[in-house]
Amino acid sequence: MQETDLAQILTSEYVFFGGKRVSRRDSAGNLYFYLNDQLGTTRQIAQSDGTPCYDADFLPYGGEQNVYANSCSQNYKFTGKERDAETGLDYFGARYYASNIGPLQFA
């Protein structure tokens, strides 16, 4: 899968294996590897030399709890869904999900 900007210039190229995102190459040729948990949440991203550039813990509904490293861009977070940088919402195809709210409870 490829991502482009508004001018149709390639920004990232992703590799999938078994339907899961495993690596990304950016426009500068840098290679990153995704390390996901059992839900598909991106917990770590490692550079081609093995150095982690993203490392985070997540709350049960997708909010980031602890971010230990964040030196590379990362838009795919909770269950591997894309998080919109402007709204902070996760895109699940048919709807957007607010991970910072969690489940709604009614009295």
N, C-alpha and C. Protein backbone atom coordinates (compact mmCIF):
# COMPACT_ATOMS: atom_id res chain seq x y z
N MET A 1 0.84 -1.16 0.00
CA MET A 1 0.00 0.00 0.00
C MET A 1 0.89 1.24 0.00
N GLN A 2 0.49 2.25 -0.74
CA GLN A 2 1.26 3.49 -0.81
C GLN A 2 0.43 4.67 -0.32
N GLU A 3 1.09 5.63 0.34
CA GLU A 3 0.47 6.88 0.74
C GLU A 3 1.13 8.00 -0.03
N THR A 4 0.32 8.94 -0.48
CA THR A 4 0.83 10.11 -1.18
C THR A 4 0.28 11.37 -0.52
N ASP A 5 0.92 12.50 -0.80
CA ASP A 5 0.40 13.77 -0.31
C ASP A 5 -0.56 14.35 -1.34
N LEU A 6 -1.02 15.58 -1.13
CA LEU A 6 -1.99 16.18 -2.04
C LEU A 6 -1.44 16.38 -3.45
N ALA A 7 -0.12 16.50 -3.59
CA ALA A 7 0.50 16.66 -4.90
C ALA A 7 0.82 15.31 -5.55
N GLN A 8 0.30 14.21 -4.96
CA GLN A 8 0.52 12.85 -5.46
C GLN A 8 1.98 12.43 -5.40
N ILE A 9 2.73 12.96 -4.44
CA ILE A 9 4.13 12.57 -4.22
C ILE A 9 4.14 11.49 -3.14
N LEU A 10 4.83 10.39 -3.40
CA LEU A 10 4.88 9.26 -2.49
C LEU A 10 5.50 9.68 -1.16
N THR A 11 4.78 9.43 -0.04
CA THR A 11 5.31 9.75 1.29
C THR A 11 5.69 8.49 2.06
N SER A 12 4.94 7.42 1.90
CA SER A 12 5.23 6.16 2.60
C SER A 12 4.74 4.98 1.77
N GLU A 13 5.43 3.87 1.96
CA GLU A 13 5.06 2.63 1.30
C GLU A 13 5.03 1.53 2.37
N TYR A 14 3.92 0.82 2.50
CA TYR A 14 3.73 -0.17 3.56
C TYR A 14 3.78 -1.58 3.00
N VAL A 15 4.28 -2.52 3.82
CA VAL A 15 4.29 -3.94 3.48
C VAL A 15 3.40 -4.65 4.49
N PHE A 16 2.50 -5.50 3.99
CA PHE A 16 1.59 -6.27 4.82
C PHE A 16 1.92 -7.74 4.68
N PHE A 17 1.75 -8.49 5.76
CA PHE A 17 1.93 -9.94 5.74
C PHE A 17 0.77 -10.54 6.54
N GLY A 18 0.00 -11.39 5.91
CA GLY A 18 -1.16 -11.97 6.58
C GLY A 18 -2.18 -10.93 6.99
N GLY A 19 -2.29 -9.86 6.22
CA GLY A 19 -3.25 -8.81 6.50
C GLY A 19 -2.81 -7.83 7.57
N LYS A 20 -1.59 -7.97 8.08
CA LYS A 20 -1.10 -7.07 9.13
C LYS A 20 0.08 -6.26 8.63
N ARG A 21 0.13 -5.00 9.03
CA ARG A 21 1.20 -4.08 8.65
C ARG A 21 2.48 -4.51 9.37
N VAL A 22 3.54 -4.78 8.61
CA VAL A 22 4.79 -5.22 9.21
C VAL A 22 5.94 -4.25 9.01
N SER A 23 5.91 -3.44 7.94
CA SER A 23 7.00 -2.50 7.73
C SER A 23 6.54 -1.31 6.90
N ARG A 24 7.37 -0.27 6.95
CA ARG A 24 7.10 0.96 6.20
C ARG A 24 8.42 1.52 5.69
N ARG A 25 8.39 2.02 4.48
CA ARG A 25 9.54 2.74 3.92
C ARG A 25 9.06 4.14 3.59
N ASP A 26 9.76 5.15 4.12
CA ASP A 26 9.35 6.54 3.86
C ASP A 26 9.99 7.05 2.58
N SER A 27 9.69 8.28 2.23
CA SER A 27 10.17 8.85 0.95
C SER A 27 11.68 9.01 0.92
N ALA A 28 12.33 9.06 2.08
CA ALA A 28 13.79 9.17 2.13
C ALA A 28 14.47 7.80 2.06
N GLY A 29 13.68 6.72 2.03
CA GLY A 29 14.24 5.38 1.94
C GLY A 29 14.49 4.72 3.29
N ASN A 30 14.11 5.37 4.38
CA ASN A 30 14.28 4.78 5.71
C ASN A 30 13.26 3.67 5.91
N LEU A 31 13.70 2.57 6.53
CA LEU A 31 12.86 1.40 6.72
C LEU A 31 12.52 1.25 8.20
N TYR A 32 11.24 1.01 8.50
CA TYR A 32 10.75 0.85 9.86
C TYR A 32 9.96 -0.45 9.96
N PHE A 33 10.07 -1.13 11.11
CA PHE A 33 9.37 -2.39 11.34
C PHE A 33 8.37 -2.21 12.48
N TYR A 34 7.13 -2.66 12.27
CA TYR A 34 6.05 -2.54 13.25
C TYR A 34 6.01 -3.77 14.13
N LEU A 35 5.95 -3.56 15.44
CA LEU A 35 5.81 -4.65 16.40
C LEU A 35 4.48 -4.46 17.10
N ASN A 36 3.54 -5.37 16.84
CA ASN A 36 2.17 -5.23 17.30
C ASN A 36 1.86 -6.24 18.39
N ASP A 37 0.84 -5.93 19.21
CA ASP A 37 0.36 -6.89 20.20
C ASP A 37 -0.71 -7.78 19.57
N GLN A 38 -1.38 -8.61 20.38
CA GLN A 38 -2.35 -9.57 19.86
C GLN A 38 -3.58 -8.91 19.25
N LEU A 39 -3.88 -7.65 19.59
CA LEU A 39 -5.01 -6.94 18.99
C LEU A 39 -4.63 -6.22 17.70
N GLY A 40 -3.34 -6.16 17.40
CA GLY A 40 -2.88 -5.44 16.23
C GLY A 40 -2.47 -4.01 16.54
N THR A 41 -2.46 -3.64 17.82
CA THR A 41 -2.04 -2.30 18.25
C THR A 41 -0.54 -2.17 18.09
N THR A 42 -0.10 -1.11 17.45
CA THR A 42 1.33 -0.87 17.26
C THR A 42 1.93 -0.46 18.60
N ARG A 43 2.71 -1.33 19.20
CA ARG A 43 3.33 -1.06 20.49
C ARG A 43 4.73 -0.48 20.31
N GLN A 44 5.44 -0.93 19.28
CA GLN A 44 6.79 -0.42 19.01
C GLN A 44 7.01 -0.34 17.52
N ILE A 45 7.88 0.60 17.14
CA ILE A 45 8.39 0.67 15.78
C ILE A 45 9.90 0.73 15.89
N ALA A 46 10.56 -0.13 15.14
CA ALA A 46 12.03 -0.19 15.15
C ALA A 46 12.57 0.25 13.80
N GLN A 47 13.67 0.97 13.85
CA GLN A 47 14.35 1.36 12.61
C GLN A 47 15.07 0.14 12.05
N SER A 48 15.61 0.26 10.87
CA SER A 48 16.24 -0.90 10.21
C SER A 48 17.42 -1.46 10.99
N ASP A 49 18.05 -0.64 11.84
CA ASP A 49 19.17 -1.13 12.65
C ASP A 49 18.71 -1.71 13.99
N GLY A 50 17.39 -1.74 14.23
CA GLY A 50 16.83 -2.31 15.45
C GLY A 50 16.58 -1.30 16.55
N THR A 51 16.97 -0.06 16.35
CA THR A 51 16.76 0.99 17.36
C THR A 51 15.28 1.37 17.40
N PRO A 52 14.65 1.32 18.58
CA PRO A 52 13.24 1.71 18.65
C PRO A 52 13.07 3.22 18.49
N CYS A 53 12.12 3.61 17.64
CA CYS A 53 11.82 5.03 17.47
C CYS A 53 10.43 5.36 17.96
N TYR A 54 9.62 4.33 18.25
CA TYR A 54 8.30 4.52 18.85
C TYR A 54 8.07 3.37 19.82
N ASP A 55 7.65 3.70 21.04
CA ASP A 55 7.38 2.71 22.06
C ASP A 55 6.33 3.28 22.99
N ALA A 56 5.18 2.61 23.10
CA ALA A 56 4.08 3.15 23.91
C ALA A 56 3.25 2.04 24.52
N ASP A 57 2.62 2.37 25.65
CA ASP A 57 1.63 1.51 26.30
C ASP A 57 0.26 2.13 26.06
N PHE A 58 -0.76 1.30 25.96
CA PHE A 58 -2.10 1.78 25.67
C PHE A 58 -3.08 1.37 26.77
N LEU A 59 -4.07 2.22 26.99
CA LEU A 59 -5.18 1.91 27.89
C LEU A 59 -6.13 0.94 27.19
N PRO A 60 -7.05 0.28 27.91
CA PRO A 60 -7.91 -0.73 27.29
C PRO A 60 -8.74 -0.25 26.10
N TYR A 61 -9.07 1.03 26.01
CA TYR A 61 -9.90 1.50 24.90
C TYR A 61 -9.10 2.30 23.88
N GLY A 62 -7.77 2.23 23.93
CA GLY A 62 -6.95 2.79 22.88
C GLY A 62 -6.22 4.07 23.18
N GLY A 63 -6.45 4.69 24.31
CA GLY A 63 -5.70 5.90 24.65
C GLY A 63 -4.25 5.55 24.98
N GLU A 64 -3.33 6.41 24.58
CA GLU A 64 -1.92 6.16 24.88
C GLU A 64 -1.67 6.50 26.35
N GLN A 65 -1.11 5.54 27.09
CA GLN A 65 -0.85 5.75 28.51
C GLN A 65 0.56 6.28 28.73
N ASN A 66 1.54 5.54 28.30
CA ASN A 66 2.94 5.95 28.44
C ASN A 66 3.59 5.90 27.07
N VAL A 67 4.20 7.00 26.68
CA VAL A 67 4.96 7.03 25.43
C VAL A 67 6.43 7.15 25.81
N TYR A 68 7.18 6.08 25.60
CA TYR A 68 8.58 6.03 26.00
C TYR A 68 9.49 6.61 24.92
N ALA A 69 9.13 6.42 23.67
CA ALA A 69 9.91 6.95 22.55
C ALA A 69 8.94 7.35 21.45
N ASN A 70 9.20 8.48 20.81
CA ASN A 70 8.31 8.96 19.74
C ASN A 70 9.09 9.83 18.76
N SER A 71 10.15 9.26 18.18
CA SER A 71 10.97 10.03 17.25
C SER A 71 10.66 9.75 15.78
N CYS A 72 9.71 8.86 15.50
CA CYS A 72 9.29 8.63 14.13
C CYS A 72 7.78 8.80 14.04
N SER A 73 7.32 9.24 12.89
CA SER A 73 5.89 9.48 12.73
C SER A 73 5.12 8.17 12.83
N GLN A 74 3.97 8.23 13.48
CA GLN A 74 3.18 7.03 13.72
C GLN A 74 1.71 7.41 13.74
N ASN A 75 0.95 7.00 12.72
CA ASN A 75 -0.48 7.29 12.65
C ASN A 75 -1.34 6.07 12.92
N TYR A 76 -0.77 4.87 12.91
CA TYR A 76 -1.54 3.64 13.08
C TYR A 76 -1.35 3.16 14.51
N LYS A 77 -2.38 3.29 15.32
CA LYS A 77 -2.23 3.05 16.75
C LYS A 77 -3.12 1.91 17.22
N PHE A 78 -4.24 2.19 17.86
CA PHE A 78 -5.09 1.19 18.50
C PHE A 78 -5.66 0.21 17.47
N THR A 79 -5.44 -1.06 17.66
CA THR A 79 -5.81 -2.18 16.78
C THR A 79 -5.36 -1.95 15.34
N GLY A 80 -4.32 -1.15 15.14
CA GLY A 80 -3.77 -0.89 13.82
C GLY A 80 -4.56 0.09 12.99
N LYS A 81 -5.55 0.74 13.59
CA LYS A 81 -6.36 1.72 12.86
C LYS A 81 -5.66 3.07 12.84
N GLU A 82 -5.97 3.84 11.81
CA GLU A 82 -5.32 5.14 11.64
C GLU A 82 -5.93 6.17 12.59
N ARG A 83 -5.05 6.89 13.31
CA ARG A 83 -5.49 7.97 14.19
C ARG A 83 -5.33 9.29 13.46
N ASP A 84 -6.45 10.03 13.36
CA ASP A 84 -6.45 11.33 12.71
C ASP A 84 -5.70 12.33 13.59
N ALA A 85 -4.67 12.97 13.05
CA ALA A 85 -3.85 13.89 13.83
C ALA A 85 -4.61 15.13 14.26
N GLU A 86 -5.57 15.58 13.46
CA GLU A 86 -6.30 16.81 13.79
C GLU A 86 -7.34 16.60 14.88
N THR A 87 -8.08 15.49 14.82
CA THR A 87 -9.17 15.27 15.78
C THR A 87 -8.79 14.33 16.91
N GLY A 88 -7.76 13.49 16.71
CA GLY A 88 -7.39 12.49 17.70
C GLY A 88 -8.28 11.27 17.68
N LEU A 89 -9.15 11.16 16.66
CA LEU A 89 -10.07 10.04 16.55
C LEU A 89 -9.45 8.92 15.71
N ASP A 90 -9.81 7.67 16.05
CA ASP A 90 -9.35 6.50 15.29
C ASP A 90 -10.39 6.17 14.24
N TYR A 91 -9.93 5.90 13.01
CA TYR A 91 -10.83 5.62 11.89
C TYR A 91 -11.01 4.11 11.75
N PHE A 92 -12.25 3.63 11.92
CA PHE A 92 -12.56 2.21 11.85
C PHE A 92 -13.34 1.85 10.59
N GLY A 93 -13.19 2.60 9.52
CA GLY A 93 -13.84 2.30 8.26
C GLY A 93 -15.21 2.94 8.14
N ALA A 94 -16.15 2.51 8.95
CA ALA A 94 -17.51 3.05 8.87
C ALA A 94 -17.76 4.14 9.91
N ARG A 95 -16.84 4.29 10.87
CA ARG A 95 -17.04 5.28 11.91
C ARG A 95 -15.70 5.72 12.49
N TYR A 96 -15.74 6.82 13.22
CA TYR A 96 -14.59 7.29 13.99
C TYR A 96 -14.82 6.95 15.45
N TYR A 97 -13.75 6.66 16.17
CA TYR A 97 -13.83 6.22 17.56
C TYR A 97 -12.96 7.13 18.42
N ALA A 98 -13.50 7.62 19.53
CA ALA A 98 -12.76 8.49 20.45
C ALA A 98 -12.13 7.63 21.55
N SER A 99 -10.86 7.31 21.43
CA SER A 99 -10.21 6.42 22.39
C SER A 99 -10.03 7.07 23.76
N ASN A 100 -10.05 8.38 23.83
CA ASN A 100 -9.86 9.04 25.12
C ASN A 100 -11.13 9.03 25.98
N ILE A 101 -12.28 8.69 25.39
CA ILE A 101 -13.53 8.66 26.14
C ILE A 101 -13.79 7.28 26.73
N GLY A 102 -13.50 6.22 25.99
CA GLY A 102 -13.78 4.87 26.45
C GLY A 102 -15.26 4.56 26.29
N PRO A 103 -15.76 3.56 26.99
CA PRO A 103 -17.17 3.19 26.82
C PRO A 103 -18.07 4.22 27.49
N LEU A 104 -19.22 4.39 26.92
CA LEU A 104 -20.22 5.28 27.52
C LEU A 104 -21.01 4.51 28.56
N GLN A 105 -21.19 5.10 29.72
CA GLN A 105 -21.95 4.45 30.78
C GLN A 105 -23.19 5.27 31.07
N PHE A 106 -24.32 4.62 31.12
CA PHE A 106 -25.58 5.29 31.40
C PHE A 106 -26.07 4.89 32.78
N ALA A 107 -26.60 5.86 33.52
CA ALA A 107 -27.08 5.60 34.89
C ALA A 107 -28.46 4.97 34.87
